Amino acid sequence: MACITISVDKTFKERLSRFSWINWSEIGREELLKRYLFEKYMKTGELTKDEEKFCEQIDWHPVDELPIKKEFVKKIGEIRKNTYSKPVKPDQLKQWFKEL
């Protein structure tokens, strides 16, 4: 396996040292891999099964990094303006739970 060295200033290194239980190498590796996968996904729109498995393990997907589409923001705004449920009285709610 290859090795990468990253230089940081003394103050930053001291801050990182406070969290001795954190594996900073693993965090760096994960972030670099995420960056690579994001760029690959943007070019090809595809990931290999191993790459998808990695994304699933860390609960992340390249799509998560994309900006929200304007159409979606508009649709959410419209939903917020409208009411999609009718008010329910406490008696009705109790009855509904009994039926379950």
PDB file of N, CA and C in Angstrom:
ATOM      1  N   MET A   1       0.854  -1.175   0.000  1.00  0.00           N
ATOM      2  CA  MET A   1       0.000   0.000   0.000  1.00  0.00           C
ATOM      3  C   MET A   1       0.898   1.236   0.000  1.00  0.00           C
ATOM      4  N   ALA A   2       0.504   2.238  -0.748  1.00  0.00           N
ATOM      5  CA  ALA A   2       1.259   3.488  -0.835  1.00  0.00           C
ATOM      6  C   ALA A   2       1.031   4.333   0.413  1.00  0.00           C
ATOM      7  N   CYS A   3       1.936   5.268   0.630  1.00  0.00           N
ATOM      8  CA  CYS A   3       1.855   6.136   1.808  1.00  0.00           C
ATOM      9  C   CYS A   3       1.875   7.594   1.356  1.00  0.00           C
ATOM     10  N   ILE A   4       1.047   8.417   1.977  1.00  0.00           N
ATOM     11  CA  ILE A   4       0.988   9.843   1.684  1.00  0.00           C
ATOM     12  C   ILE A   4       1.292  10.593   2.974  1.00  0.00           C
ATOM     13  N   THR A   5       2.115  11.621   2.874  1.00  0.00           N
ATOM     14  CA  THR A   5       2.418  12.453   4.031  1.00  0.00           C
ATOM     15  C   THR A   5       1.810  13.826   3.798  1.00  0.00           C
ATOM     16  N   ILE A   6       1.134  14.331   4.817  1.00  0.00           N
ATOM     17  CA  ILE A   6       0.513  15.651   4.732  1.00  0.00           C
ATOM     18  C   ILE A   6       1.145  16.538   5.790  1.00  0.00           C
ATOM     19  N   SER A   7       1.582  17.703   5.371  1.00  0.00           N
ATOM     20  CA  SER A   7       2.167  18.652   6.311  1.00  0.00           C
ATOM     21  C   SER A   7       1.095  19.588   6.851  1.00  0.00           C
ATOM     22  N   VAL A   8       1.117  19.768   8.179  1.00  0.00           N
ATOM     23  CA  VAL A   8       0.211  20.706   8.829  1.00  0.00           C
ATOM     24  C   VAL A   8       1.021  21.527   9.817  1.00  0.00           C
ATOM     25  N   ASP A   9       0.525  22.695  10.158  1.00  0.00           N
ATOM     26  CA  ASP A   9       1.286  23.517  11.096  1.00  0.00           C
ATOM     27  C   ASP A   9       1.198  22.931  12.511  1.00  0.00           C
ATOM     28  N   LYS A  10       2.082  23.389  13.360  1.00  0.00           N
ATOM     29  CA  LYS A  10       2.224  22.840  14.710  1.00  0.00           C
ATOM     30  C   LYS A  10       0.930  22.961  15.524  1.00  0.00           C
ATOM     31  N   THR A  11       0.272  24.102  15.436  1.00  0.00           N
ATOM     32  CA  THR A  11      -0.962  24.331  16.194  1.00  0.00           C
ATOM     33  C   THR A  11      -2.038  23.333  15.783  1.00  0.00           C
ATOM     34  N   PHE A  12      -2.166  23.115  14.489  1.00  0.00           N
ATOM     35  CA  PHE A  12      -3.179  22.184  14.000  1.00  0.00           C
ATOM     36  C   PHE A  12      -2.860  20.762  14.456  1.00  0.00           C
ATOM     37  N   LYS A  13      -1.594  20.382  14.401  1.00  0.00           N
ATOM     38  CA  LYS A  13      -1.185  19.050  14.861  1.00  0.00           C
ATOM     39  C   LYS A  13      -1.504  18.868  16.338  1.00  0.00           C
ATOM     40  N   GLU A  14      -1.292  19.905  17.137  1.00  0.00           N
ATOM     41  CA  GLU A  14      -1.618  19.826  18.567  1.00  0.00           C
ATOM     42  C   GLU A  14      -3.116  19.627  18.773  1.00  0.00           C
ATOM     43  N   ARG A  15      -3.907  20.301  17.965  1.00  0.00           N
ATOM     44  CA  ARG A  15      -5.364  20.127  18.053  1.00  0.00           C
ATOM     45  C   ARG A  15      -5.755  18.687  17.733  1.00  0.00           C
ATOM     46  N   LEU A  16      -5.152  18.140  16.665  1.00  0.00           N
ATOM     47  CA  LEU A  16      -5.450  16.764  16.279  1.00  0.00           C
ATOM     48  C   LEU A  16      -5.022  15.787  17.366  1.00  0.00           C
ATOM     49  N   SER A  17      -3.933  16.081  18.050  1.00  0.00           N
ATOM     50  CA  SER A  17      -3.413  15.196  19.096  1.00  0.00           C
ATOM     51  C   SER A  17      -4.374  15.063  20.268  1.00  0.00           C
ATOM     52  N   ARG A  18      -5.211  16.026  20.457  1.00  0.00           N
ATOM     53  CA  ARG A  18      -6.195  15.969  21.551  1.00  0.00           C
ATOM     54  C   ARG A  18      -7.183  14.825  21.372  1.00  0.00           C
ATOM     55  N   PHE A  19      -7.324  14.385  20.147  1.00  0.00           N
ATOM     56  CA  PHE A  19      -8.264  13.313  19.825  1.00  0.00           C
ATOM     57  C   PHE A  19      -7.485  12.055  19.451  1.00  0.00           C
ATOM     58  N   SER A  20      -6.766  11.520  20.411  1.00  0.00           N
ATOM     59  CA  SER A  20      -5.870  10.397  20.148  1.00  0.00           C
ATOM     60  C   SER A  20      -6.615   9.134  19.716  1.00  0.00           C
ATOM     61  N   TRP A  21      -7.879   8.997  20.052  1.00  0.00           N
ATOM     62  CA  TRP A  21      -8.647   7.820  19.698  1.00  0.00           C
ATOM     63  C   TRP A  21      -9.114   7.827  18.245  1.00  0.00           C
ATOM     64  N   ILE A  22      -8.949   8.963  17.573  1.00  0.00           N
ATOM     65  CA  ILE A  22      -9.388   9.064  16.175  1.00  0.00           C
ATOM     66  C   ILE A  22      -8.251   8.646  15.253  1.00  0.00           C
ATOM     67  N   ASN A  23      -8.580   7.800  14.305  1.00  0.00           N
ATOM     68  CA  ASN A  23      -7.603   7.358  13.318  1.00  0.00           C
ATOM     69  C   ASN A  23      -7.640   8.349  12.149  1.00  0.00           C
ATOM     70  N   TRP A  24      -6.788   9.355  12.217  1.00  0.00           N
ATOM     71  CA  TRP A  24      -6.793  10.419  11.210  1.00  0.00           C
ATOM     72  C   TRP A  24      -6.404   9.892   9.835  1.00  0.00           C
ATOM     73  N   SER A  25      -5.581   8.875   9.788  1.00  0.00           N
ATOM     74  CA  SER A  25      -5.211   8.278   8.497  1.00  0.00           C
ATOM     75  C   SER A  25      -6.431   7.681   7.818  1.00  0.00           C
ATOM     76  N   GLU A  26      -7.277   7.012   8.596  1.00  0.00           N
ATOM     77  CA  GLU A  26      -8.487   6.415   8.039  1.00  0.00           C
ATOM     78  C   GLU A  26      -9.450   7.496   7.554  1.00  0.00           C
ATOM     79  N   ILE A  27      -9.563   8.565   8.312  1.00  0.00           N
ATOM     80  CA  ILE A  27     -10.438   9.666   7.899  1.00  0.00           C
ATOM     81  C   ILE A  27      -9.925  10.284   6.603  1.00  0.00           C
ATOM     82  N   GLY A  28      -8.630  10.496   6.524  1.00  0.00           N
ATOM     83  CA  GLY A  28      -8.041  11.051   5.299  1.00  0.00           C
ATOM     84  C   GLY A  28      -8.246  10.134   4.111  1.00  0.00           C
ATOM     85  N   ARG A  29      -8.037   8.827   4.326  1.00  0.00           N
ATOM     86  CA  ARG A  29      -8.223   7.846   3.250  1.00  0.00           C
ATOM     87  C   ARG A  29      -9.661   7.860   2.763  1.00  0.00           C
ATOM     88  N   GLU A  30     -10.592   7.880   3.703  1.00  0.00           N
ATOM     89  CA  GLU A  30     -12.014   7.889   3.366  1.00  0.00           C
ATOM     90  C   GLU A  30     -12.389   9.135   2.565  1.00  0.00           C
ATOM     91  N   GLU A  31     -11.910  10.287   3.010  1.00  0.00           N
ATOM     92  CA  GLU A  31     -12.237  11.543   2.323  1.00  0.00           C
ATOM     93  C   GLU A  31     -11.639  11.596   0.924  1.00  0.00           C
ATOM     94  N   LEU A  32     -10.410  11.097   0.767  1.00  0.00           N
ATOM     95  CA  LEU A  32      -9.799  11.058  -0.567  1.00  0.00           C
ATOM     96  C   LEU A  32     -10.569  10.119  -1.486  1.00  0.00           C
ATOM     97  N   LEU A  33     -10.980   8.977  -0.948  1.00  0.00           N
ATOM     98  CA  LEU A  33     -11.750   8.026  -1.747  1.00  0.00           C
ATOM     99  C   LEU A  33     -13.108   8.615  -2.128  1.00  0.00           C
ATOM    100  N   LYS A  34     -13.745   9.320  -1.196  1.00  0.00           N
ATOM    101  CA  LYS A  34     -15.016   9.970  -1.506  1.00  0.00           C
ATOM    102  C   LYS A  34     -14.845  10.988  -2.626  1.00  0.00           C
ATOM    103  N   ARG A  35     -13.773  11.756  -2.560  1.00  0.00           N
ATOM    104  CA  ARG A  35     -13.506  12.763  -3.602  1.00  0.00           C
ATOM    105  C   ARG A  35     -13.312  12.084  -4.960  1.00  0.00           C
ATOM    106  N   TYR A  36     -12.542  11.004  -4.961  1.00  0.00           N
ATOM    107  CA  TYR A  36     -12.310  10.255  -6.198  1.00  0.00           C
ATOM    108  C   TYR A  36     -13.630   9.714  -6.750  1.00  0.00           C
ATOM    109  N   LEU A  37     -14.442   9.105  -5.878  1.00  0.00           N
ATOM    110  CA  LEU A  37     -15.717   8.538  -6.320  1.00  0.00           C
ATOM    111  C   LEU A  37     -16.655   9.611  -6.839  1.00  0.00           C
ATOM    112  N   PHE A  38     -16.657  10.767  -6.190  1.00  0.00           N
ATOM    113  CA  PHE A  38     -17.511  11.862  -6.641  1.00  0.00           C
ATOM    114  C   PHE A  38     -17.114  12.290  -8.047  1.00  0.00           C
ATOM    115  N   GLU A  39     -15.824  12.491  -8.275  1.00  0.00           N
ATOM    116  CA  GLU A  39     -15.367  12.922  -9.604  1.00  0.00           C
ATOM    117  C   GLU A  39     -15.650  11.858 -10.656  1.00  0.00           C
ATOM    118  N   LYS A  40     -15.442  10.593 -10.295  1.00  0.00           N
ATOM    119  CA  LYS A  40     -15.723   9.505 -11.230  1.00  0.00           C
ATOM    120  C   LYS A  40     -17.213   9.452 -11.558  1.00  0.00           C
ATOM    121  N   TYR A  41     -18.045   9.590 -10.525  1.00  0.00           N
ATOM    122  CA  TYR A  41     -19.495   9.538 -10.727  1.00  0.00           C
ATOM    123  C   TYR A  41     -19.962  10.689 -11.607  1.00  0.00           C
ATOM    124  N   MET A  42     -19.379  11.868 -11.427  1.00  0.00           N
ATOM    125  CA  MET A  42     -19.757  13.020 -12.239  1.00  0.00           C
ATOM    126  C   MET A  42     -19.408  12.800 -13.707  1.00  0.00           C
ATOM    127  N   LYS A  43     -18.308  12.098 -13.978  1.00  0.00           N
ATOM    128  CA  LYS A  43     -17.894  11.846 -15.365  1.00  0.00           C
ATOM    129  C   LYS A  43     -18.681  10.716 -16.002  1.00  0.00           C
ATOM    130  N   THR A  44     -18.863   9.607 -15.263  1.00  0.00           N
ATOM    131  CA  THR A  44     -19.446   8.410 -15.861  1.00  0.00           C
ATOM    132  C   THR A  44     -20.875   8.126 -15.421  1.00  0.00           C
ATOM    133  N   GLY A  45     -21.255   8.612 -14.231  1.00  0.00           N
ATOM    134  CA  GLY A  45     -22.579   8.315 -13.699  1.00  0.00           C
ATOM    135  C   GLY A  45     -22.689   6.907 -13.154  1.00  0.00           C
ATOM    136  N   GLU A  46     -21.548   6.220 -13.000  1.00  0.00           N
ATOM    137  CA  GLU A  46     -21.565   4.834 -12.540  1.00  0.00           C
ATOM    138  C   GLU A  46     -20.516   4.594 -11.464  1.00  0.00           C
ATOM    139  N   LEU A  47     -20.751   3.560 -10.661  1.00  0.00           N
ATOM    140  CA  LEU A  47     -19.800   3.094  -9.669  1.00  0.00           C
ATOM    141  C   LEU A  47     -19.723   1.576  -9.766  1.00  0.00           C
ATOM    142  N   THR A  48     -18.575   1.015  -9.411  1.00  0.00           N
ATOM    143  CA  THR A  48     -18.444  -0.445  -9.383  1.00  0.00           C
ATOM    144  C   THR A  48     -19.154  -0.982  -8.143  1.00  0.00           C
ATOM    145  N   LYS A  49     -19.337  -2.291  -8.090  1.00  0.00           N
ATOM    146  CA  LYS A  49     -19.995  -2.898  -6.929  1.00  0.00           C
ATOM    147  C   LYS A  49     -19.192  -2.652  -5.654  1.00  0.00           C
ATOM    148  N   ASP A  50     -17.868  -2.716  -5.735  1.00  0.00           N
ATOM    149  CA  ASP A  50     -17.025  -2.456  -4.562  1.00  0.00           C
ATOM    150  C   ASP A  50     -17.166  -1.003  -4.106  1.00  0.00           C
ATOM    151  N   GLU A  51     -17.226  -0.084  -5.056  1.00  0.00           N
ATOM    152  CA  GLU A  51     -17.395   1.328  -4.727  1.00  0.00           C
ATOM    153  C   GLU A  51     -18.767   1.579  -4.090  1.00  0.00           C
ATOM    154  N   GLU A  52     -19.788   0.926  -4.621  1.00  0.00           N
ATOM    155  CA  GLU A  52     -21.124   1.047  -4.041  1.00  0.00           C
ATOM    156  C   GLU A  52     -21.152   0.476  -2.626  1.00  0.00           C
ATOM    157  N   LYS A  53     -20.431  -0.620  -2.412  1.00  0.00           N
ATOM    158  CA  LYS A  53     -20.354  -1.230  -1.082  1.00  0.00           C
ATOM    159  C   LYS A  53     -19.698  -0.265  -0.096  1.00  0.00           C
ATOM    160  N   PHE A  54     -18.617   0.390  -0.529  1.00  0.00           N
ATOM    161  CA  PHE A  54     -17.952   1.381   0.314  1.00  0.00           C
ATOM    162  C   PHE A  54     -18.911   2.508   0.671  1.00  0.00           C
ATOM    163  N   CYS A  55     -19.626   3.016  -0.317  1.00  0.00           N
ATOM    164  CA  CYS A  55     -20.583   4.105  -0.090  1.00  0.00           C
ATOM    165  C   CYS A  55     -21.657   3.685   0.908  1.00  0.00           C
ATOM    166  N   GLU A  56     -22.124   2.454   0.781  1.00  0.00           N
ATOM    167  CA  GLU A  56     -23.153   1.956   1.689  1.00  0.00           C
ATOM    168  C   GLU A  56     -22.614   1.837   3.116  1.00  0.00           C
ATOM    169  N   GLN A  57     -21.359   1.395   3.245  1.00  0.00           N
ATOM    170  CA  GLN A  57     -20.757   1.236   4.574  1.00  0.00           C
ATOM    171  C   GLN A  57     -20.658   2.561   5.320  1.00  0.00           C
ATOM    172  N   ILE A  58     -20.371   3.630   4.599  1.00  0.00           N
ATOM    173  CA  ILE A  58     -20.209   4.926   5.269  1.00  0.00           C
ATOM    174  C   ILE A  58     -21.464   5.793   5.142  1.00  0.00           C
ATOM    175  N   ASP A  59     -22.544   5.201   4.606  1.00  0.00           N
ATOM    176  CA  ASP A  59     -23.824   5.901   4.458  1.00  0.00           C
ATOM    177  C   ASP A  59     -23.654   7.216   3.708  1.00  0.00           C
ATOM    178  N   TRP A  60     -23.056   7.112   2.523  1.00  0.00           N
ATOM    179  CA  TRP A  60     -22.788   8.278   1.684  1.00  0.00           C
ATOM    180  C   TRP A  60     -22.904   7.854   0.231  1.00  0.00           C
ATOM    181  N   HIS A  61     -23.268   8.797  -0.626  1.00  0.00           N
ATOM    182  CA  HIS A  61     -23.301   8.554  -2.074  1.00  0.00           C
ATOM    183  C   HIS A  61     -22.892   9.847  -2.765  1.00  0.00           C
ATOM    184  N   PRO A  62     -22.200   9.757  -3.905  1.00  0.00           N
ATOM    185  CA  PRO A  62     -21.797  10.983  -4.613  1.00  0.00           C
ATOM    186  C   PRO A  62     -22.941  11.946  -4.872  1.00  0.00           C
ATOM    187  N   VAL A  63     -24.139  11.433  -5.037  1.00  0.00           N
ATOM    188  CA  VAL A  63     -25.293  12.294  -5.280  1.00  0.00           C
ATOM    189  C   VAL A  63     -25.517  13.236  -4.094  1.00  0.00           C
ATOM    190  N   ASP A  64     -25.102  12.795  -2.894  1.00  0.00           N
ATOM    191  CA  ASP A  64     -25.271  13.631  -1.698  1.00  0.00           C
ATOM    192  C   ASP A  64     -24.544  14.964  -1.830  1.00  0.00           C
ATOM    193  N   GLU A  65     -23.518  15.013  -2.646  1.00  0.00           N
ATOM    194  CA  GLU A  65     -22.697  16.213  -2.787  1.00  0.00           C
ATOM    195  C   GLU A  65     -23.229  17.183  -3.840  1.00  0.00           C
ATOM    196  N   LEU A  66     -24.196  16.748  -4.627  1.00  0.00           N
ATOM    197  CA  LEU A  66     -24.730  17.610  -5.684  1.00  0.00           C
ATOM    198  C   LEU A  66     -25.618  18.698  -5.095  1.00  0.00           C
ATOM    199  N   PRO A  67     -25.643  19.867  -5.716  1.00  0.00           N
ATOM    200  CA  PRO A  67     -26.533  20.926  -5.215  1.00  0.00           C
ATOM    201  C   PRO A  67     -27.994  20.540  -5.442  1.00  0.00           C
ATOM    202  N   ILE A  68     -28.864  21.090  -4.624  1.00  0.00           N
ATOM    203  CA  ILE A  68     -30.297  20.823  -4.754  1.00  0.00           C
ATOM    204  C   ILE A  68     -30.819  21.535  -5.996  1.00  0.00           C
ATOM    205  N   LYS A  69     -31.605  20.822  -6.786  1.00  0.00           N
ATOM    206  CA  LYS A  69     -32.156  21.400  -8.004  1.00  0.00           C
ATOM    207  C   LYS A  69     -33.192  22.465  -7.670  1.00  0.00           C
ATOM    208  N   LYS A  70     -33.219  23.526  -8.487  1.00  0.00           N
ATOM    209  CA  LYS A  70     -34.147  24.634  -8.268  1.00  0.00           C
ATOM    210  C   LYS A  70     -35.598  24.179  -8.336  1.00  0.00           C
ATOM    211  N   GLU A  71     -35.877  23.205  -9.218  1.00  0.00           N
ATOM    212  CA  GLU A  71     -37.244  22.706  -9.340  1.00  0.00           C
ATOM    213  C   GLU A  71     -37.699  22.052  -8.037  1.00  0.00           C
ATOM    214  N   PHE A  72     -36.774  21.341  -7.381  1.00  0.00           N
ATOM    215  CA  PHE A  72     -37.100  20.676  -6.127  1.00  0.00           C
ATOM    216  C   PHE A  72     -37.376  21.701  -5.031  1.00  0.00           C
ATOM    217  N   VAL A  73     -36.541  22.729  -4.958  1.00  0.00           N
ATOM    218  CA  VAL A  73     -36.736  23.781  -3.963  1.00  0.00           C
ATOM    219  C   VAL A  73     -38.088  24.451  -4.175  1.00  0.00           C
ATOM    220  N   LYS A  74     -38.447  24.690  -5.446  1.00  0.00           N
ATOM    221  CA  LYS A  74     -39.730  25.313  -5.776  1.00  0.00           C
ATOM    222  C   LYS A  74     -40.885  24.418  -5.339  1.00  0.00           C
ATOM    223  N   LYS A  75     -40.769  23.120  -5.621  1.00  0.00           N
ATOM    224  CA  LYS A  75     -41.820  22.186  -5.261  1.00  0.00           C
ATOM    225  C   LYS A  75     -41.997  22.110  -3.744  1.00  0.00           C
ATOM    226  N   ILE A  76     -40.893  22.098  -2.999  1.00  0.00           N
ATOM    227  CA  ILE A  76     -40.958  22.080  -1.535  1.00  0.00           C
ATOM    228  C   ILE A  76     -41.646  23.348  -1.024  1.00  0.00           C
ATOM    229  N   GLY A  77     -41.328  24.483  -1.638  1.00  0.00           N
ATOM    230  CA  GLY A  77     -41.972  25.746  -1.254  1.00  0.00           C
ATOM    231  C   GLY A  77     -43.473  25.690  -1.450  1.00  0.00           C
ATOM    232  N   GLU A  78     -43.908  25.093  -2.557  1.00  0.00           N
ATOM    233  CA  GLU A  78     -45.341  24.954  -2.831  1.00  0.00           C
ATOM    234  C   GLU A  78     -46.005  24.042  -1.803  1.00  0.00           C
ATOM    235  N   ILE A  79     -45.325  22.978  -1.439  1.00  0.00           N
ATOM    236  CA  ILE A  79     -45.870  22.040  -0.454  1.00  0.00           C
ATOM    237  C   ILE A  79     -46.029  22.734   0.895  1.00  0.00           C
ATOM    238  N   ARG A  80     -45.062  23.549   1.266  1.00  0.00           N
ATOM    239  CA  ARG A  80     -45.135  24.257   2.546  1.00  0.00           C
ATOM    240  C   ARG A  80     -46.328  25.217   2.593  1.00  0.00           C
ATOM    241  N   LYS A  81     -46.662  25.806   1.457  1.00  0.00           N
ATOM    242  CA  LYS A  81     -47.776  26.767   1.412  1.00  0.00           C
ATOM    243  C   LYS A  81     -49.124  26.080   1.586  1.00  0.00           C
ATOM    244  N   ASN A  82     -49.238  24.859   1.076  1.00  0.00           N
ATOM    245  CA  ASN A  82     -50.515  24.135   1.102  1.00  0.00           C
ATOM    246  C   ASN A  82     -50.593  23.206   2.309  1.00  0.00           C
ATOM    247  N   THR A  83     -51.823  22.862   2.663  1.00  0.00           N
ATOM    248  CA  THR A  83     -52.021  21.879   3.717  1.00  0.00           C
ATOM    249  C   THR A  83     -52.450  20.587   3.045  1.00  0.00           C
ATOM    250  N   TYR A  84     -51.776  19.525   3.379  1.00  0.00           N
ATOM    251  CA  TYR A  84     -52.084  18.257   2.729  1.00  0.00           C
ATOM    252  C   TYR A  84     -52.786  17.284   3.662  1.00  0.00           C
ATOM    253  N   SER A  85     -53.145  17.742   4.838  1.00  0.00           N
ATOM    254  CA  SER A  85     -53.908  16.881   5.730  1.00  0.00           C
ATOM    255  C   SER A  85     -54.967  17.723   6.420  1.00  0.00           C
ATOM    256  N   LYS A  86     -56.037  17.074   6.775  1.00  0.00           N
ATOM    257  CA  LYS A  86     -57.097  17.806   7.461  1.00  0.00           C
ATOM    258  C   LYS A  86     -56.890  17.674   8.967  1.00  0.00           C
ATOM    259  N   PRO A  87     -57.330  18.638   9.730  1.00  0.00           N
ATOM    260  CA  PRO A  87     -57.194  18.553  11.189  1.00  0.00           C
ATOM    261  C   PRO A  87     -57.993  17.377  11.739  1.00  0.00           C
ATOM    262  N   VAL A  88     -57.457  16.745  12.763  1.00  0.00           N
ATOM    263  CA  VAL A  88     -58.115  15.595  13.378  1.00  0.00           C
ATOM    264  C   VAL A  88     -58.380  15.928  14.841  1.00  0.00           C
ATOM    265  N   LYS A  89     -59.607  15.658  15.265  1.00  0.00           N
ATOM    266  CA  LYS A  89     -59.981  15.883  16.661  1.00  0.00           C
ATOM    267  C   LYS A  89     -59.434  14.730  17.507  1.00  0.00           C
ATOM    268  N   PRO A  90     -59.195  14.980  18.796  1.00  0.00           N
ATOM    269  CA  PRO A  90     -58.648  13.928  19.659  1.00  0.00           C
ATOM    270  C   PRO A  90     -59.471  12.639  19.648  1.00  0.00           C
ATOM    271  N   ASP A  91     -60.803  12.763  19.620  1.00  0.00           N
ATOM    272  CA  ASP A  91     -61.659  11.563  19.596  1.00  0.00           C
ATOM    273  C   ASP A  91     -61.410  10.746  18.329  1.00  0.00           C
ATOM    274  N   GLN A  92     -61.275  11.434  17.205  1.00  0.00           N
ATOM    275  CA  GLN A  92     -61.025  10.756  15.935  1.00  0.00           C
ATOM    276  C   GLN A  92     -59.670  10.056  15.956  1.00  0.00           C
ATOM    277  N   LEU A  93     -58.705  10.704  16.567  1.00  0.00           N
ATOM    278  CA  LEU A  93     -57.365  10.135  16.646  1.00  0.00           C
ATOM    279  C   LEU A  93     -57.370   8.872  17.512  1.00  0.00           C
ATOM    280  N   LYS A  94     -58.066   8.906  18.642  1.00  0.00           N
ATOM    281  CA  LYS A  94     -58.172   7.726  19.513  1.00  0.00           C
ATOM    282  C   LYS A  94     -58.831   6.577  18.765  1.00  0.00           C
ATOM    283  N   GLN A  95     -59.894   6.886  18.032  1.00  0.00           N
ATOM    284  CA  GLN A  95     -60.600   5.862  17.255  1.00  0.00           C
ATOM    285  C   GLN A  95     -59.680   5.266  16.196  1.00  0.00           C
ATOM    286  N   TRP A  96     -58.904   6.095  15.569  1.00  0.00           N
ATOM    287  CA  TRP A  96     -58.000   5.633  14.516  1.00  0.00           C
ATOM    288  C   TRP A  96     -56.975   4.672  15.104  1.00  0.00           C
ATOM    289  N   PHE A  97     -56.444   4.980  16.285  1.00  0.00           N
ATOM    290  CA  PHE A  97     -55.454   4.112  16.918  1.00  0.00           C
ATOM    291  C   PHE A  97     -56.085   2.787  17.367  1.00  0.00           C
ATOM    292  N   LYS A  98     -57.346   2.807  17.771  1.00  0.00           N
ATOM    293  CA  LYS A  98     -58.017   1.582  18.169  1.00  0.00           C
ATOM    294  C   LYS A  98     -58.165   0.649  16.991  1.00  0.00           C
ATOM    295  N   GLU A  99     -58.388   1.214  15.817  1.00  0.00           N
ATOM    296  CA  GLU A  99     -58.595   0.410  14.600  1.00  0.00           C
ATOM    297  C   GLU A  99     -57.318  -0.260  14.145  1.00  0.00           C
ATOM    298  N   LEU A 100     -56.186   0.260  14.549  1.00  0.00           N
ATOM    299  CA  LEU A 100     -54.901  -0.345  14.159  1.00  0.00           C
ATOM    300  C   LEU A 100     -54.739  -1.616  14.934  1.00  0.00           C
TER     301      LEU A 100
END
